[in-house]
Amino acid sequence: MRSKAITPGVVLFLIFLTTLIFSVVGFSVEQNRKMKYLTELEVLECTSDYITVKNVGSNIASELTSDPEAVFTPSTIKPGEVAKGNFKEPIRGIVVVIIESKEGSKVVYQCNIIV
């Protein structure tokens, strides 16, 4: 009858597999962190109907979203490019607008709309 003991080869394989998993996870986290810091947004103008945003970072900013909700054209901007977001509903008064990209970049801007 064979013994079902753990052999040194199995232990080495498990150590290798664990190291590989931690390396891949660490690399992925670091890449996401870099993407966030390389993407930087700046608000250029805010009116009751639209907001314009410029990508002043060195990475593409994609899938732009905002609160209050706006539709951005284009929704993906390269470094140096500008996107215009048309608000679904006109804003009035003092409104804080939060704009985010898929990469994790976020800008918070206070729009002062005098009626």
PDB file of N, CA and C in Angstrom:
ATOM      1  N   MET A   1       0.833  -1.177   0.000  1.00  0.00           N
ATOM      2  CA  MET A   1       0.000   0.000   0.000  1.00  0.00           C
ATOM      3  C   MET A   1       0.881   1.245   0.000  1.00  0.00           C
ATOM      4  N   ARG A   2       0.560   2.192  -0.892  1.00  0.00           N
ATOM      5  CA  ARG A   2       1.363   3.410  -1.007  1.00  0.00           C
ATOM      6  C   ARG A   2       0.986   4.413   0.060  1.00  0.00           C
ATOM      7  N   SER A   3       1.975   5.122   0.516  1.00  0.00           N
ATOM      8  CA  SER A   3       1.757   6.184   1.495  1.00  0.00           C
ATOM      9  C   SER A   3       1.304   7.440   0.752  1.00  0.00           C
ATOM     10  N   LYS A   4       0.379   8.167   1.320  1.00  0.00           N
ATOM     11  CA  LYS A   4      -0.125   9.391   0.701  1.00  0.00           C
ATOM     12  C   LYS A   4       0.484  10.621   1.367  1.00  0.00           C
ATOM     13  N   ALA A   5       1.726  10.530   1.737  1.00  0.00           N
ATOM     14  CA  ALA A   5       2.428  11.649   2.373  1.00  0.00           C
ATOM     15  C   ALA A   5       2.756  12.714   1.329  1.00  0.00           C
ATOM     16  N   ILE A   6       2.879  13.933   1.792  1.00  0.00           N
ATOM     17  CA  ILE A   6       3.240  15.039   0.911  1.00  0.00           C
ATOM     18  C   ILE A   6       4.737  14.967   0.655  1.00  0.00           C
ATOM     19  N   THR A   7       5.090  14.926  -0.616  1.00  0.00           N
ATOM     20  CA  THR A   7       6.500  14.814  -0.988  1.00  0.00           C
ATOM     21  C   THR A   7       7.122  16.201  -1.100  1.00  0.00           C
ATOM     22  N   PRO A   8       8.449  16.283  -1.067  1.00  0.00           N
ATOM     23  CA  PRO A   8       9.116  17.579  -1.229  1.00  0.00           C
ATOM     24  C   PRO A   8       8.768  18.255  -2.556  1.00  0.00           C
ATOM     25  N   GLY A   9       8.552  17.467  -3.593  1.00  0.00           N
ATOM     26  CA  GLY A   9       8.178  18.040  -4.893  1.00  0.00           C
ATOM     27  C   GLY A   9       6.830  18.753  -4.834  1.00  0.00           C
ATOM     28  N   VAL A  10       5.884  18.176  -4.114  1.00  0.00           N
ATOM     29  CA  VAL A  10       4.564  18.792  -3.968  1.00  0.00           C
ATOM     30  C   VAL A  10       4.678  20.086  -3.170  1.00  0.00           C
ATOM     31  N   VAL A  11       5.487  20.091  -2.131  1.00  0.00           N
ATOM     32  CA  VAL A  11       5.695  21.290  -1.312  1.00  0.00           C
ATOM     33  C   VAL A  11       6.306  22.400  -2.162  1.00  0.00           C
ATOM     34  N   LEU A  12       7.322  22.070  -2.955  1.00  0.00           N
ATOM     35  CA  LEU A  12       7.949  23.069  -3.822  1.00  0.00           C
ATOM     36  C   LEU A  12       6.960  23.620  -4.848  1.00  0.00           C
ATOM     37  N   PHE A  13       6.122  22.741  -5.395  1.00  0.00           N
ATOM     38  CA  PHE A  13       5.123  23.189  -6.358  1.00  0.00           C
ATOM     39  C   PHE A  13       4.125  24.145  -5.707  1.00  0.00           C
ATOM     40  N   LEU A  14       3.685  23.842  -4.504  1.00  0.00           N
ATOM     41  CA  LEU A  14       2.745  24.714  -3.790  1.00  0.00           C
ATOM     42  C   LEU A  14       3.377  26.069  -3.468  1.00  0.00           C
ATOM     43  N   ILE A  15       4.648  26.062  -3.091  1.00  0.00           N
ATOM     44  CA  ILE A  15       5.355  27.319  -2.818  1.00  0.00           C
ATOM     45  C   ILE A  15       5.457  28.141  -4.106  1.00  0.00           C
ATOM     46  N   PHE A  16       5.809  27.477  -5.202  1.00  0.00           N
ATOM     47  CA  PHE A  16       5.905  28.165  -6.497  1.00  0.00           C
ATOM     48  C   PHE A  16       4.559  28.758  -6.906  1.00  0.00           C
ATOM     49  N   LEU A  17       3.496  27.980  -6.769  1.00  0.00           N
ATOM     50  CA  LEU A  17       2.162  28.429  -7.147  1.00  0.00           C
ATOM     51  C   LEU A  17       1.711  29.621  -6.298  1.00  0.00           C
ATOM     52  N   THR A  18       1.966  29.579  -5.010  1.00  0.00           N
ATOM     53  CA  THR A  18       1.611  30.684  -4.110  1.00  0.00           C
ATOM     54  C   THR A  18       2.378  31.948  -4.480  1.00  0.00           C
ATOM     55  N   THR A  19       3.669  31.807  -4.747  1.00  0.00           N
ATOM     56  CA  THR A  19       4.494  32.955  -5.141  1.00  0.00           C
ATOM     57  C   THR A  19       3.992  33.555  -6.451  1.00  0.00           C
ATOM     58  N   LEU A  20       3.641  32.709  -7.394  1.00  0.00           N
ATOM     59  CA  LEU A  20       3.128  33.166  -8.681  1.00  0.00           C
ATOM     60  C   LEU A  20       1.825  33.950  -8.512  1.00  0.00           C
ATOM     61  N   ILE A  21       0.930  33.444  -7.701  1.00  0.00           N
ATOM     62  CA  ILE A  21      -0.355  34.126  -7.471  1.00  0.00           C
ATOM     63  C   ILE A  21      -0.132  35.495  -6.849  1.00  0.00           C
ATOM     64  N   PHE A  22       0.706  35.581  -5.814  1.00  0.00           N
ATOM     65  CA  PHE A  22       0.974  36.867  -5.168  1.00  0.00           C
ATOM     66  C   PHE A  22       1.654  37.846  -6.129  1.00  0.00           C
ATOM     67  N   SER A  23       2.522  37.342  -6.992  1.00  0.00           N
ATOM     68  CA  SER A  23       3.193  38.212  -7.963  1.00  0.00           C
ATOM     69  C   SER A  23       2.203  38.797  -8.960  1.00  0.00           C
ATOM     70  N   VAL A  24       1.312  37.982  -9.477  1.00  0.00           N
ATOM     71  CA  VAL A  24       0.323  38.448 -10.452  1.00  0.00           C
ATOM     72  C   VAL A  24      -0.628  39.455  -9.813  1.00  0.00           C
ATOM     73  N   VAL A  25      -1.097  39.175  -8.610  1.00  0.00           N
ATOM     74  CA  VAL A  25      -2.001  40.099  -7.916  1.00  0.00           C
ATOM     75  C   VAL A  25      -1.285  41.414  -7.621  1.00  0.00           C
ATOM     76  N   GLY A  26      -0.054  41.347  -7.142  1.00  0.00           N
ATOM     77  CA  GLY A  26       0.715  42.560  -6.854  1.00  0.00           C
ATOM     78  C   GLY A  26       0.950  43.393  -8.095  1.00  0.00           C
ATOM     79  N   PHE A  27       1.274  42.746  -9.203  1.00  0.00           N
ATOM     80  CA  PHE A  27       1.487  43.450 -10.465  1.00  0.00           C
ATOM     81  C   PHE A  27       0.205  44.140 -10.922  1.00  0.00           C
ATOM     82  N   SER A  28      -0.911  43.452 -10.815  1.00  0.00           N
ATOM     83  CA  SER A  28      -2.195  44.013 -11.232  1.00  0.00           C
ATOM     84  C   SER A  28      -2.570  45.234 -10.399  1.00  0.00           C
ATOM     85  N   VAL A  29      -2.379  45.158  -9.095  1.00  0.00           N
ATOM     86  CA  VAL A  29      -2.680  46.283  -8.205  1.00  0.00           C
ATOM     87  C   VAL A  29      -1.788  47.468  -8.549  1.00  0.00           C
ATOM     88  N   GLU A  30      -0.520  47.221  -8.796  1.00  0.00           N
ATOM     89  CA  GLU A  30       0.420  48.298  -9.132  1.00  0.00           C
ATOM     90  C   GLU A  30       0.058  48.952 -10.466  1.00  0.00           C
ATOM     91  N   GLN A  31      -0.342  48.163 -11.451  1.00  0.00           N
ATOM     92  CA  GLN A  31      -0.739  48.718 -12.748  1.00  0.00           C
ATOM     93  C   GLN A  31      -1.975  49.604 -12.604  1.00  0.00           C
ATOM     94  N   ASN A  32      -2.948  49.161 -11.814  1.00  0.00           N
ATOM     95  CA  ASN A  32      -4.151  49.969 -11.591  1.00  0.00           C
ATOM     96  C   ASN A  32      -3.804  51.281 -10.903  1.00  0.00           C
ATOM     97  N   ARG A  33      -2.878  51.230  -9.965  1.00  0.00           N
ATOM     98  CA  ARG A  33      -2.448  52.436  -9.255  1.00  0.00           C
ATOM     99  C   ARG A  33      -1.776  53.413 -10.225  1.00  0.00           C
ATOM    100  N   LYS A  34      -0.932  52.887 -11.112  1.00  0.00           N
ATOM    101  CA  LYS A  34      -0.263  53.737 -12.102  1.00  0.00           C
ATOM    102  C   LYS A  34      -1.275  54.378 -13.042  1.00  0.00           C
ATOM    103  N   MET A  35      -2.254  53.604 -13.501  1.00  0.00           N
ATOM    104  CA  MET A  35      -3.271  54.129 -14.414  1.00  0.00           C
ATOM    105  C   MET A  35      -4.012  55.288 -13.772  1.00  0.00           C
ATOM    106  N   LYS A  36      -4.314  55.150 -12.492  1.00  0.00           N
ATOM    107  CA  LYS A  36      -5.059  56.197 -11.789  1.00  0.00           C
ATOM    108  C   LYS A  36      -4.249  57.484 -11.721  1.00  0.00           C
ATOM    109  N   TYR A  37      -2.963  57.384 -11.421  1.00  0.00           N
ATOM    110  CA  TYR A  37      -2.146  58.580 -11.261  1.00  0.00           C
ATOM    111  C   TYR A  37      -1.724  59.194 -12.592  1.00  0.00           C
ATOM    112  N   LEU A  38      -1.718  58.412 -13.667  1.00  0.00           N
ATOM    113  CA  LEU A  38      -1.342  58.936 -14.974  1.00  0.00           C
ATOM    114  C   LEU A  38      -2.514  59.597 -15.690  1.00  0.00           C
ATOM    115  N   THR A  39      -3.727  59.388 -15.166  1.00  0.00           N
ATOM    116  CA  THR A  39      -4.919  59.994 -15.741  1.00  0.00           C
ATOM    117  C   THR A  39      -5.360  61.114 -14.817  1.00  0.00           C
ATOM    118  N   GLU A  40      -5.372  62.339 -15.334  1.00  0.00           N
ATOM    119  CA  GLU A  40      -5.766  63.483 -14.514  1.00  0.00           C
ATOM    120  C   GLU A  40      -6.716  64.363 -15.313  1.00  0.00           C
ATOM    121  N   LEU A  41      -7.842  64.694 -14.703  1.00  0.00           N
ATOM    122  CA  LEU A  41      -8.857  65.495 -15.365  1.00  0.00           C
ATOM    123  C   LEU A  41      -8.905  66.896 -14.774  1.00  0.00           C
ATOM    124  N   GLU A  42      -9.222  67.869 -15.625  1.00  0.00           N
ATOM    125  CA  GLU A  42      -9.334  69.261 -15.186  1.00  0.00           C
ATOM    126  C   GLU A  42     -10.589  69.867 -15.815  1.00  0.00           C
ATOM    127  N   VAL A  43     -11.416  70.514 -14.991  1.00  0.00           N
ATOM    128  CA  VAL A  43     -12.623  71.163 -15.499  1.00  0.00           C
ATOM    129  C   VAL A  43     -12.242  72.520 -16.083  1.00  0.00           C
ATOM    130  N   LEU A  44     -12.655  72.767 -17.319  1.00  0.00           N
ATOM    131  CA  LEU A  44     -12.366  74.036 -17.984  1.00  0.00           C
ATOM    132  C   LEU A  44     -13.520  75.025 -17.862  1.00  0.00           C
ATOM    133  N   GLU A  45     -14.750  74.516 -17.976  1.00  0.00           N
ATOM    134  CA  GLU A  45     -15.920  75.392 -17.965  1.00  0.00           C
ATOM    135  C   GLU A  45     -17.130  74.622 -17.456  1.00  0.00           C
ATOM    136  N   CYS A  46     -18.006  75.340 -16.752  1.00  0.00           N
ATOM    137  CA  CYS A  46     -19.235  74.729 -16.259  1.00  0.00           C
ATOM    138  C   CYS A  46     -20.375  75.723 -16.435  1.00  0.00           C
ATOM    139  N   THR A  47     -21.406  75.306 -17.167  1.00  0.00           N
ATOM    140  CA  THR A  47     -22.598  76.131 -17.348  1.00  0.00           C
ATOM    141  C   THR A  47     -23.802  75.328 -16.863  1.00  0.00           C
ATOM    142  N   SER A  48     -24.979  75.898 -16.986  1.00  0.00           N
ATOM    143  CA  SER A  48     -26.172  75.176 -16.542  1.00  0.00           C
ATOM    144  C   SER A  48     -26.474  73.976 -17.436  1.00  0.00           C
ATOM    145  N   ASP A  49     -25.985  73.999 -18.677  1.00  0.00           N
ATOM    146  CA  ASP A  49     -26.301  72.931 -19.631  1.00  0.00           C
ATOM    147  C   ASP A  49     -25.174  71.938 -19.880  1.00  0.00           C
ATOM    148  N   TYR A  50     -23.921  72.365 -19.690  1.00  0.00           N
ATOM    149  CA  TYR A  50     -22.806  71.469 -20.010  1.00  0.00           C
ATOM    150  C   TYR A  50     -21.583  71.776 -19.154  1.00  0.00           C
ATOM    151  N   ILE A  51     -20.623  70.833 -19.201  1.00  0.00           N
ATOM    152  CA  ILE A  51     -19.340  70.983 -18.522  1.00  0.00           C
ATOM    153  C   ILE A  51     -18.262  70.488 -19.478  1.00  0.00           C
ATOM    154  N   THR A  52     -17.133  71.186 -19.533  1.00  0.00           N
ATOM    155  CA  THR A  52     -16.028  70.735 -20.382  1.00  0.00           C
ATOM    156  C   THR A  52     -14.868  70.300 -19.498  1.00  0.00           C
ATOM    157  N   VAL A  53     -14.262  69.189 -19.894  1.00  0.00           N
ATOM    158  CA  VAL A  53     -13.188  68.571 -19.120  1.00  0.00           C
ATOM    159  C   VAL A  53     -12.004  68.311 -20.033  1.00  0.00           C
ATOM    160  N   LYS A  54     -10.801  68.577 -19.531  1.00  0.00           N
ATOM    161  CA  LYS A  54      -9.575  68.318 -20.286  1.00  0.00           C
ATOM    162  C   LYS A  54      -8.773  67.234 -19.575  1.00  0.00           C
ATOM    163  N   ASN A  55      -8.185  66.340 -20.360  1.00  0.00           N
ATOM    164  CA  ASN A  55      -7.294  65.320 -19.821  1.00  0.00           C
ATOM    165  C   ASN A  55      -5.892  65.918 -19.768  1.00  0.00           C
ATOM    166  N   VAL A  56      -5.431  66.280 -18.578  1.00  0.00           N
ATOM    167  CA  VAL A  56      -4.105  66.883 -18.421  1.00  0.00           C
ATOM    168  C   VAL A  56      -3.070  65.850 -17.977  1.00  0.00           C
ATOM    169  N   GLY A  57      -3.476  64.593 -17.901  1.00  0.00           N
ATOM    170  CA  GLY A  57      -2.555  63.523 -17.530  1.00  0.00           C
ATOM    171  C   GLY A  57      -1.816  62.995 -18.748  1.00  0.00           C
ATOM    172  N   SER A  58      -1.139  61.870 -18.575  1.00  0.00           N
ATOM    173  CA  SER A  58      -0.378  61.273 -19.673  1.00  0.00           C
ATOM    174  C   SER A  58      -0.957  59.931 -20.107  1.00  0.00           C
ATOM    175  N   ASN A  59      -2.199  59.642 -19.696  1.00  0.00           N
ATOM    176  CA  ASN A  59      -2.848  58.386 -20.032  1.00  0.00           C
ATOM    177  C   ASN A  59      -4.263  58.677 -20.530  1.00  0.00           C
ATOM    178  N   ILE A  60      -4.810  57.783 -21.334  1.00  0.00           N
ATOM    179  CA  ILE A  60      -6.175  57.936 -21.837  1.00  0.00           C
ATOM    180  C   ILE A  60      -7.165  57.888 -20.670  1.00  0.00           C
ATOM    181  N   ALA A  61      -8.182  58.732 -20.731  1.00  0.00           N
ATOM    182  CA  ALA A  61      -9.294  58.705 -19.776  1.00  0.00           C
ATOM    183  C   ALA A  61     -10.513  58.192 -20.535  1.00  0.00           C
ATOM    184  N   SER A  62     -11.053  57.054 -20.105  1.00  0.00           N
ATOM    185  CA  SER A  62     -12.165  56.454 -20.840  1.00  0.00           C
ATOM    186  C   SER A  62     -13.405  56.321 -19.966  1.00  0.00           C
ATOM    187  N   GLU A  63     -14.530  56.136 -20.631  1.00  0.00           N
ATOM    188  CA  GLU A  63     -15.833  55.938 -19.992  1.00  0.00           C
ATOM    189  C   GLU A  63     -16.117  57.003 -18.936  1.00  0.00           C
ATOM    190  N   LEU A  64     -16.077  58.262 -19.347  1.00  0.00           N
ATOM    191  CA  LEU A  64     -16.333  59.367 -18.424  1.00  0.00           C
ATOM    192  C   LEU A  64     -17.779  59.341 -17.941  1.00  0.00           C
ATOM    193  N   THR A  65     -17.954  59.501 -16.628  1.00  0.00           N
ATOM    194  CA  THR A  65     -19.276  59.573 -16.013  1.00  0.00           C
ATOM    195  C   THR A  65     -19.293  60.736 -15.038  1.00  0.00           C
ATOM    196  N   SER A  66     -20.487  61.201 -14.701  1.00  0.00           N
ATOM    197  CA  SER A  66     -20.563  62.316 -13.760  1.00  0.00           C
ATOM    198  C   SER A  66     -21.823  62.241 -12.914  1.00  0.00           C
ATOM    199  N   ASP A  67     -21.791  62.994 -11.830  1.00  0.00           N
ATOM    200  CA  ASP A  67     -22.943  63.188 -10.963  1.00  0.00           C
ATOM    201  C   ASP A  67     -23.006  64.673 -10.660  1.00  0.00           C
ATOM    202  N   PRO A  68     -24.009  65.411 -11.081  1.00  0.00           N
ATOM    203  CA  PRO A  68     -25.208  65.008 -11.812  1.00  0.00           C
ATOM    204  C   PRO A  68     -24.860  64.452 -13.197  1.00  0.00           C
ATOM    205  N   GLU A  69     -25.753  63.606 -13.681  1.00  0.00           N
ATOM    206  CA  GLU A  69     -25.481  62.843 -14.899  1.00  0.00           C
ATOM    207  C   GLU A  69     -25.347  63.726 -16.137  1.00  0.00           C
ATOM    208  N   ALA A  70     -24.306  63.433 -16.904  1.00  0.00           N
ATOM    209  CA  ALA A  70     -24.058  64.129 -18.167  1.00  0.00           C
ATOM    210  C   ALA A  70     -23.587  63.112 -19.198  1.00  0.00           C
ATOM    211  N   VAL A  71     -23.851  63.408 -20.457  1.00  0.00           N
ATOM    212  CA  VAL A  71     -23.388  62.568 -21.565  1.00  0.00           C
ATOM    213  C   VAL A  71     -22.168  63.255 -22.167  1.00  0.00           C
ATOM    214  N   PHE A  72     -21.011  62.559 -22.107  1.00  0.00           N
ATOM    215  CA  PHE A  72     -19.755  63.143 -22.580  1.00  0.00           C
ATOM    216  C   PHE A  72     -19.481  62.770 -24.031  1.00  0.00           C
ATOM    217  N   THR A  73     -19.060  63.774 -24.800  1.00  0.00           N
ATOM    218  CA  THR A  73     -18.676  63.571 -26.191  1.00  0.00           C
ATOM    219  C   THR A  73     -17.301  64.175 -26.397  1.00  0.00           C
ATOM    220  N   PRO A  74     -16.306  63.397 -26.728  1.00  0.00           N
ATOM    221  CA  PRO A  74     -16.280  61.936 -26.737  1.00  0.00           C
ATOM    222  C   PRO A  74     -16.207  61.400 -25.304  1.00  0.00           C
ATOM    223  N   SER A  75     -16.511  60.121 -25.131  1.00  0.00           N
ATOM    224  CA  SER A  75     -16.477  59.531 -23.787  1.00  0.00           C
ATOM    225  C   SER A  75     -15.074  59.061 -23.415  1.00  0.00           C
ATOM    226  N   THR A  76     -14.181  58.996 -24.392  1.00  0.00           N
ATOM    227  CA  THR A  76     -12.777  58.647 -24.161  1.00  0.00           C
ATOM    228  C   THR A  76     -11.917  59.776 -24.713  1.00  0.00           C
ATOM    229  N   ILE A  77     -11.017  60.306 -23.856  1.00  0.00           N
ATOM    230  CA  ILE A  77     -10.155  61.401 -24.311  1.00  0.00           C
ATOM    231  C   ILE A  77      -8.692  61.069 -24.067  1.00  0.00           C
ATOM    232  N   LYS A  78      -7.890  61.384 -25.072  1.00  0.00           N
ATOM    233  CA  LYS A  78      -6.444  61.193 -24.989  1.00  0.00           C
ATOM    234  C   LYS A  78      -5.840  62.373 -24.237  1.00  0.00           C
ATOM    235  N   PRO A  79      -4.586  62.248 -23.801  1.00  0.00           N
ATOM    236  CA  PRO A  79      -3.932  63.377 -23.131  1.00  0.00           C
ATOM    237  C   PRO A  79      -3.987  64.642 -23.991  1.00  0.00           C
ATOM    238  N   GLY A  80      -4.393  65.744 -23.371  1.00  0.00           N
ATOM    239  CA  GLY A  80      -4.491  67.021 -24.059  1.00  0.00           C
ATOM    240  C   GLY A  80      -5.832  67.284 -24.721  1.00  0.00           C
ATOM    241  N   GLU A  81      -6.678  66.272 -24.833  1.00  0.00           N
ATOM    242  CA  GLU A  81      -7.976  66.439 -25.480  1.00  0.00           C
ATOM    243  C   GLU A  81      -9.035  66.918 -24.489  1.00  0.00           C
ATOM    244  N   VAL A  82     -10.121  67.455 -25.050  1.00  0.00           N
ATOM    245  CA  VAL A  82     -11.219  68.005 -24.254  1.00  0.00           C
ATOM    246  C   VAL A  82     -12.503  67.250 -24.584  1.00  0.00           C
ATOM    247  N   ALA A  83     -13.328  67.012 -23.554  1.00  0.00           N
ATOM    248  CA  ALA A  83     -14.644  66.400 -23.745  1.00  0.00           C
ATOM    249  C   ALA A  83     -15.702  67.348 -23.201  1.00  0.00           C
ATOM    250  N   LYS A  84     -16.841  67.347 -23.862  1.00  0.00           N
ATOM    251  CA  LYS A  84     -17.964  68.172 -23.416  1.00  0.00           C
ATOM    252  C   LYS A  84     -19.052  67.244 -22.899  1.00  0.00           C
ATOM    253  N   GLY A  85     -19.498  67.510 -21.671  1.00  0.00           N
ATOM    254  CA  GLY A  85     -20.567  66.722 -21.077  1.00  0.00           C
ATOM    255  C   GLY A  85     -21.844  67.531 -21.003  1.00  0.00           C
ATOM    256  N   ASN A  86     -22.868  67.094 -21.729  1.00  0.00           N
ATOM    257  CA  ASN A  86     -24.171  67.760 -21.690  1.00  0.00           C
ATOM    258  C   ASN A  86     -25.002  67.161 -20.558  1.00  0.00           C
ATOM    259  N   PHE A  87     -25.407  68.015 -19.605  1.00  0.00           N
ATOM    260  CA  PHE A  87     -26.205  67.539 -18.480  1.00  0.00           C
ATOM    261  C   PHE A  87     -27.570  67.064 -18.971  1.00  0.00           C
ATOM    262  N   LYS A  88     -28.055  65.974 -18.379  1.00  0.00           N
ATOM    263  CA  LYS A  88     -29.377  65.458 -18.746  1.00  0.00           C
ATOM    264  C   LYS A  88     -30.462  66.439 -18.325  1.00  0.00           C
ATOM    265  N   GLU A  89     -30.256  67.097 -17.181  1.00  0.00           N
ATOM    266  CA  GLU A  89     -31.163  68.134 -16.685  1.00  0.00           C
ATOM    267  C   GLU A  89     -30.315  69.363 -16.394  1.00  0.00           C
ATOM    268  N   PRO A  90     -30.766  70.566 -16.777  1.00  0.00           N
ATOM    269  CA  PRO A  90     -29.987  71.772 -16.475  1.00  0.00           C
ATOM    270  C   PRO A  90     -29.774  71.926 -14.966  1.00  0.00           C
ATOM    271  N   ILE A  91     -28.600  72.417 -14.590  1.00  0.00           N
ATOM    272  CA  ILE A  91     -28.312  72.622 -13.166  1.00  0.00           C
ATOM    273  C   ILE A  91     -28.472  74.100 -12.837  1.00  0.00           C
ATOM    274  N   ARG A  92     -28.823  74.387 -11.586  1.00  0.00           N
ATOM    275  CA  ARG A  92     -29.044  75.756 -11.124  1.00  0.00           C
ATOM    276  C   ARG A  92     -28.426  75.920  -9.751  1.00  0.00           C
ATOM    277  N   GLY A  93     -27.967  77.134  -9.446  1.00  0.00           N
ATOM    278  CA  GLY A  93     -27.420  77.433  -8.128  1.00  0.00           C
ATOM    279  C   GLY A  93     -25.998  76.933  -7.976  1.00  0.00           C
ATOM    280  N   ILE A  94     -25.649  76.556  -6.748  1.00  0.00           N
ATOM    281  CA  ILE A  94     -24.315  76.020  -6.448  1.00  0.00           C
ATOM    282  C   ILE A  94     -24.422  74.500  -6.461  1.00  0.00           C
ATOM    283  N   VAL A  95     -23.745  73.878  -7.412  1.00  0.00           N
ATOM    284  CA  VAL A  95     -23.825  72.427  -7.589  1.00  0.00           C
ATOM    285  C   VAL A  95     -22.417  71.850  -7.615  1.00  0.00           C
ATOM    286  N   VAL A  96     -22.205  70.786  -6.843  1.00  0.00           N
ATOM    287  CA  VAL A  96     -20.927  70.074  -6.869  1.00  0.00           C
ATOM    288  C   VAL A  96     -21.039  68.956  -7.903  1.00  0.00           C
ATOM    289  N   VAL A  97     -20.148  68.996  -8.884  1.00  0.00           N
ATOM    290  CA  VAL A  97     -20.141  68.002  -9.958  1.00  0.00           C
ATOM    291  C   VAL A  97     -18.944  67.084  -9.750  1.00  0.00           C
ATOM    292  N   ILE A  98     -19.190  65.782  -9.796  1.00  0.00           N
ATOM    293  CA  ILE A  98     -18.130  64.779  -9.653  1.00  0.00           C
ATOM    294  C   ILE A  98     -17.993  64.055 -10.988  1.00  0.00           C
ATOM    295  N   ILE A  99     -16.789  64.087 -11.545  1.00  0.00           N
ATOM    296  CA  ILE A  99     -16.521  63.420 -12.822  1.00  0.00           C
ATOM    297  C   ILE A  99     -15.474  62.342 -12.577  1.00  0.00           C
ATOM    298  N   GLU A 100     -15.743  61.135 -13.105  1.00  0.00           N
ATOM    299  CA  GLU A 100     -14.819  60.011 -12.936  1.00  0.00           C
ATOM    300  C   GLU A 100     -14.541  59.348 -14.279  1.00  0.00           C
ATOM    301  N   SER A 101     -13.345  58.750 -14.362  1.00  0.00           N
ATOM    302  CA  SER A 101     -13.003  57.943 -15.533  1.00  0.00           C
ATOM    303  C   SER A 101     -12.918  56.482 -15.103  1.00  0.00           C
ATOM    304  N   LYS A 102     -12.958  55.598 -16.071  1.00  0.00           N
ATOM    305  CA  LYS A 102     -12.849  54.158 -15.804  1.00  0.00           C
ATOM    306  C   LYS A 102     -11.534  53.833 -15.094  1.00  0.00           C
ATOM    307  N   GLU A 103     -10.493  54.611 -15.392  1.00  0.00           N
ATOM    308  CA  GLU A 103      -9.171  54.364 -14.815  1.00  0.00           C
ATOM    309  C   GLU A 103      -9.087  54.765 -13.344  1.00  0.00           C
ATOM    310  N   GLY A 104     -10.107  55.441 -12.825  1.00  0.00           N
ATOM    311  CA  GLY A 104     -10.120  55.796 -11.409  1.00  0.00           C
ATOM    312  C   GLY A 104      -9.838  57.253 -11.116  1.00  0.00           C
ATOM    313  N   SER A 105      -9.551  58.037 -12.135  1.00  0.00           N
ATOM    314  CA  SER A 105      -9.314  59.458 -11.917  1.00  0.00           C
ATOM    315  C   SER A 105     -10.640  60.135 -11.589  1.00  0.00           C
ATOM    316  N   LYS A 106     -10.597  61.057 -10.639  1.00  0.00           N
ATOM    317  CA  LYS A 106     -11.814  61.737 -10.206  1.00  0.00           C
ATOM    318  C   LYS A 106     -11.522  63.212 -10.008  1.00  0.00           C
ATOM    319  N   VAL A 107     -12.461  64.059 -10.436  1.00  0.00           N
ATOM    320  CA  VAL A 107     -12.359  65.493 -10.192  1.00  0.00           C
ATOM    321  C   VAL A 107     -13.690  65.949  -9.592  1.00  0.00           C
ATOM    322  N   VAL A 108     -13.586  66.753  -8.543  1.00  0.00           N
ATOM    323  CA  VAL A 108     -14.762  67.331  -7.897  1.00  0.00           C
ATOM    324  C   VAL A 108     -14.707  68.834  -8.154  1.00  0.00           C
ATOM    325  N   TYR A 109     -15.787  69.373  -8.702  1.00  0.00           N
ATOM    326  CA  TYR A 109     -15.798  70.780  -9.106  1.00  0.00           C
ATOM    327  C   TYR A 109     -17.106  71.426  -8.672  1.00  0.00           C
ATOM    328  N   GLN A 110     -17.008  72.632  -8.136  1.00  0.00           N
ATOM    329  CA  GLN A 110     -18.200  73.368  -7.716  1.00  0.00           C
ATOM    330  C   GLN A 110     -18.609  74.345  -8.814  1.00  0.00           C
ATOM    331  N   CYS A 111     -19.790  74.127  -9.376  1.00  0.00           N
ATOM    332  CA  CYS A 111     -20.333  75.021 -10.400  1.00  0.00           C
ATOM    333  C   CYS A 111     -21.235  76.045  -9.723  1.00  0.00           C
ATOM    334  N   ASN A 112     -20.986  77.309  -9.988  1.00  0.00           N
ATOM    335  CA  ASN A 112     -21.818  78.383  -9.448  1.00  0.00           C
ATOM    336  C   ASN A 112     -22.644  78.959 -10.588  1.00  0.00           C
ATOM    337  N   ILE A 113     -23.880  78.523 -10.679  1.00  0.00           N
ATOM    338  CA  ILE A 113     -24.770  78.956 -11.751  1.00  0.00           C
ATOM    339  C   ILE A 113     -25.720  80.006 -11.183  1.00  0.00           C
ATOM    340  N   ILE A 114     -25.524  81.260 -11.588  1.00  0.00           N
ATOM    341  CA  ILE A 114     -26.368  82.352 -11.119  1.00  0.00           C
ATOM    342  C   ILE A 114     -27.541  82.483 -12.078  1.00  0.00           C
ATOM    343  N   VAL A 115     -28.735  82.409 -11.529  1.00  0.00           N
ATOM    344  CA  VAL A 115     -29.950  82.458 -12.355  1.00  0.00           C
ATOM    345  C   VAL A 115     -30.427  83.880 -12.497  1.00  0.00           C
TER     346      VAL A 115
END
